[in-house]
């Protein structure tokens, strides 16, 4: 499973880099806690809190909305472990762009 997650993360890194030019053409996603938690299938209080913190950082301008949207769209289409994919990919991409993800 670890290898699968690593391959998935590598894919998101590549897709987010290519997809930036298309971001203006994409419709905006409703980034609210309830929608994200349901789509990413969060289960624990820690996972719920992570989503809440990500959204707080977006509101404060500490994380780009477009980054969170793109990562959310990508992760919600995974058949399993959606939240784990979202969290790891967001951390990698945020660091690459010079932001700090929770």
C-alpha atoms as a PDB file:
ATOM      1  CA  UNK A   1       0.000   0.000   0.000  1.00  0.00           C
ATOM      2  CA  UNK A   2       2.892   2.382   0.752  1.00  0.00           C
ATOM      3  CA  UNK A   3       4.162   2.061  -2.773  1.00  0.00           C
ATOM      4  CA  UNK A   4       0.694   2.791  -4.148  1.00  0.00           C
ATOM      5  CA  UNK A   5       0.417   5.939  -2.047  1.00  0.00           C
ATOM      6  CA  UNK A   6       3.870   7.110  -3.180  1.00  0.00           C
ATOM      7  CA  UNK A   7       2.929   6.568  -6.819  1.00  0.00           C
ATOM      8  CA  UNK A   8      -0.326   8.423  -6.287  1.00  0.00           C
ATOM      9  CA  UNK A   9       1.463  11.344  -4.665  1.00  0.00           C
ATOM     10  CA  UNK A  10       3.948  11.528  -7.504  1.00  0.00           C
ATOM     11  CA  UNK A  11       1.057  11.591  -9.942  1.00  0.00           C
ATOM     12  CA  UNK A  12      -0.650  14.447  -8.095  1.00  0.00           C
ATOM     13  CA  UNK A  13       2.575  16.428  -8.094  1.00  0.00           C
ATOM     14  CA  UNK A  14       2.765  16.084 -11.846  1.00  0.00           C
ATOM     15  CA  UNK A  15      -0.926  16.753 -12.407  1.00  0.00           C
ATOM     16  CA  UNK A  16      -1.012  19.841 -10.220  1.00  0.00           C
ATOM     17  CA  UNK A  17       1.946  21.281 -12.076  1.00  0.00           C
ATOM     18  CA  UNK A  18       0.292  20.703 -15.444  1.00  0.00           C
ATOM     19  CA  UNK A  19      -3.192  21.613 -14.236  1.00  0.00           C
ATOM     20  CA  UNK A  20      -2.355  25.101 -13.014  1.00  0.00           C
ATOM     21  CA  UNK A  21      -2.909  26.553 -16.442  1.00  0.00           C
ATOM     22  CA  UNK A  22      -6.337  24.947 -16.481  1.00  0.00           C
ATOM     23  CA  UNK A  23      -7.320  26.229 -13.033  1.00  0.00           C
ATOM     24  CA  UNK A  24      -8.960  29.331 -14.451  1.00  0.00           C
ATOM     25  CA  UNK A  25     -11.174  27.137 -16.646  1.00  0.00           C
ATOM     26  CA  UNK A  26     -12.276  24.844 -13.814  1.00  0.00           C
ATOM     27  CA  UNK A  27     -15.445  25.639 -11.921  1.00  0.00           C
ATOM     28  CA  UNK A  28     -14.856  26.412  -8.259  1.00  0.00           C
ATOM     29  CA  UNK A  29     -15.482  23.655  -5.765  1.00  0.00           C
ATOM     30  CA  UNK A  30     -17.547  24.242  -2.658  1.00  0.00           C
ATOM     31  CA  UNK A  31     -14.832  24.110  -0.019  1.00  0.00           C
ATOM     32  CA  UNK A  32     -16.835  23.735   3.141  1.00  0.00           C
ATOM     33  CA  UNK A  33     -16.024  21.397   5.995  1.00  0.00           C
ATOM     34  CA  UNK A  34     -19.095  19.208   5.653  1.00  0.00           C
ATOM     35  CA  UNK A  35     -18.609  18.608   1.922  1.00  0.00           C
ATOM     36  CA  UNK A  36     -14.896  17.902   2.255  1.00  0.00           C
ATOM     37  CA  UNK A  37     -15.303  15.562   5.219  1.00  0.00           C
ATOM     38  CA  UNK A  38     -18.000  13.566   3.434  1.00  0.00           C
ATOM     39  CA  UNK A  39     -16.134  13.349   0.124  1.00  0.00           C
ATOM     40  CA  UNK A  40     -12.813  12.451   1.736  1.00  0.00           C
ATOM     41  CA  UNK A  41     -14.518  10.029   4.127  1.00  0.00           C
ATOM     42  CA  UNK A  42     -12.939  11.351   7.289  1.00  0.00           C
ATOM     43  CA  UNK A  43     -13.572   9.152  10.307  1.00  0.00           C
ATOM     44  CA  UNK A  44     -11.647  10.315  13.358  1.00  0.00           C
ATOM     45  CA  UNK A  45     -11.776  13.577  15.298  1.00  0.00           C
ATOM     46  CA  UNK A  46      -8.172  14.195  14.203  1.00  0.00           C
ATOM     47  CA  UNK A  47      -9.136  13.902  10.525  1.00  0.00           C
ATOM     48  CA  UNK A  48     -12.112  16.226  11.026  1.00  0.00           C
ATOM     49  CA  UNK A  49      -9.849  18.712  12.803  1.00  0.00           C
ATOM     50  CA  UNK A  50      -7.323  18.562   9.969  1.00  0.00           C
ATOM     51  CA  UNK A  51      -9.967  19.600   7.435  1.00  0.00           C
ATOM     52  CA  UNK A  52     -11.115  22.411   9.728  1.00  0.00           C
ATOM     53  CA  UNK A  53      -7.538  23.671  10.070  1.00  0.00           C
ATOM     54  CA  UNK A  54      -6.931  23.531   6.307  1.00  0.00           C
ATOM     55  CA  UNK A  55     -10.044  25.640   5.733  1.00  0.00           C
ATOM     56  CA  UNK A  56      -8.971  28.139   8.416  1.00  0.00           C
ATOM     57  CA  UNK A  57      -5.623  28.526   6.675  1.00  0.00           C
ATOM     58  CA  UNK A  58      -7.356  29.105   3.340  1.00  0.00           C
ATOM     59  CA  UNK A  59      -9.534  31.810   4.929  1.00  0.00           C
ATOM     60  CA  UNK A  60      -6.468  33.495   6.462  1.00  0.00           C
ATOM     61  CA  UNK A  61      -4.587  33.357   3.155  1.00  0.00           C
ATOM     62  CA  UNK A  62      -1.994  30.953   4.544  1.00  0.00           C
ATOM     63  CA  UNK A  63      -2.817  28.281   1.953  1.00  0.00           C
ATOM     64  CA  UNK A  64      -3.885  28.964  -1.637  1.00  0.00           C
ATOM     65  CA  UNK A  65      -7.503  28.043  -2.298  1.00  0.00           C
ATOM     66  CA  UNK A  66      -6.558  26.751  -5.749  1.00  0.00           C
ATOM     67  CA  UNK A  67      -4.080  24.301  -4.198  1.00  0.00           C
ATOM     68  CA  UNK A  68      -6.630  22.955  -1.737  1.00  0.00           C
ATOM     69  CA  UNK A  69      -9.294  22.716  -4.474  1.00  0.00           C
ATOM     70  CA  UNK A  70      -7.031  20.853  -6.896  1.00  0.00           C
ATOM     71  CA  UNK A  71      -5.825  18.454  -4.222  1.00  0.00           C
ATOM     72  CA  UNK A  72      -9.383  17.859  -2.993  1.00  0.00           C
ATOM     73  CA  UNK A  73     -10.676  17.177  -6.524  1.00  0.00           C
ATOM     74  CA  UNK A  74      -7.856  14.719  -7.134  1.00  0.00           C
ATOM     75  CA  UNK A  75      -8.179  12.895  -3.792  1.00  0.00           C
ATOM     76  CA  UNK A  76     -11.950  12.537  -3.793  1.00  0.00           C
ATOM     77  CA  UNK A  77     -11.743  10.332  -6.882  1.00  0.00           C
ATOM     78  CA  UNK A  78      -9.501   7.782  -5.186  1.00  0.00           C
ATOM     79  CA  UNK A  79     -11.283   4.496  -4.459  1.00  0.00           C
ATOM     80  CA  UNK A  80      -9.802   4.165  -0.945  1.00  0.00           C
ATOM     81  CA  UNK A  81      -7.857   6.197   1.611  1.00  0.00           C
ATOM     82  CA  UNK A  82      -9.079   9.505   0.202  1.00  0.00           C
ATOM     83  CA  UNK A  83      -8.260  11.536   3.284  1.00  0.00           C
ATOM     84  CA  UNK A  84      -4.746  10.093   3.502  1.00  0.00           C
ATOM     85  CA  UNK A  85      -4.090  10.933  -0.149  1.00  0.00           C
ATOM     86  CA  UNK A  86      -5.420  14.457   0.374  1.00  0.00           C
ATOM     87  CA  UNK A  87      -3.339  15.126   3.484  1.00  0.00           C
ATOM     88  CA  UNK A  88      -0.063  13.825   2.066  1.00  0.00           C
ATOM     89  CA  UNK A  89      -0.443  15.465  -1.339  1.00  0.00           C
ATOM     90  CA  UNK A  90      -1.421  18.790   0.248  1.00  0.00           C
ATOM     91  CA  UNK A  91       1.649  18.719   2.481  1.00  0.00           C
ATOM     92  CA  UNK A  92       3.959  17.958  -0.431  1.00  0.00           C
ATOM     93  CA  UNK A  93       2.473  20.566  -2.742  1.00  0.00           C
ATOM     94  CA  UNK A  94       2.247  23.264  -0.078  1.00  0.00           C
ATOM     95  CA  UNK A  95       5.907  22.756   0.839  1.00  0.00           C
ATOM     96  CA  UNK A  96       6.890  22.874  -2.812  1.00  0.00           C
ATOM     97  CA  UNK A  97       5.128  26.238  -3.138  1.00  0.00           C
ATOM     98  CA  UNK A  98       6.582  27.607   0.087  1.00  0.00           C
ATOM     99  CA  UNK A  99       3.482  27.231   2.268  1.00  0.00           C
ATOM    100  CA  UNK A 100       3.006  25.293   5.468  1.00  0.00           C
ATOM    101  CA  UNK A 101       0.193  22.751   5.533  1.00  0.00           C
ATOM    102  CA  UNK A 102      -1.022  21.327   8.825  1.00  0.00           C
END
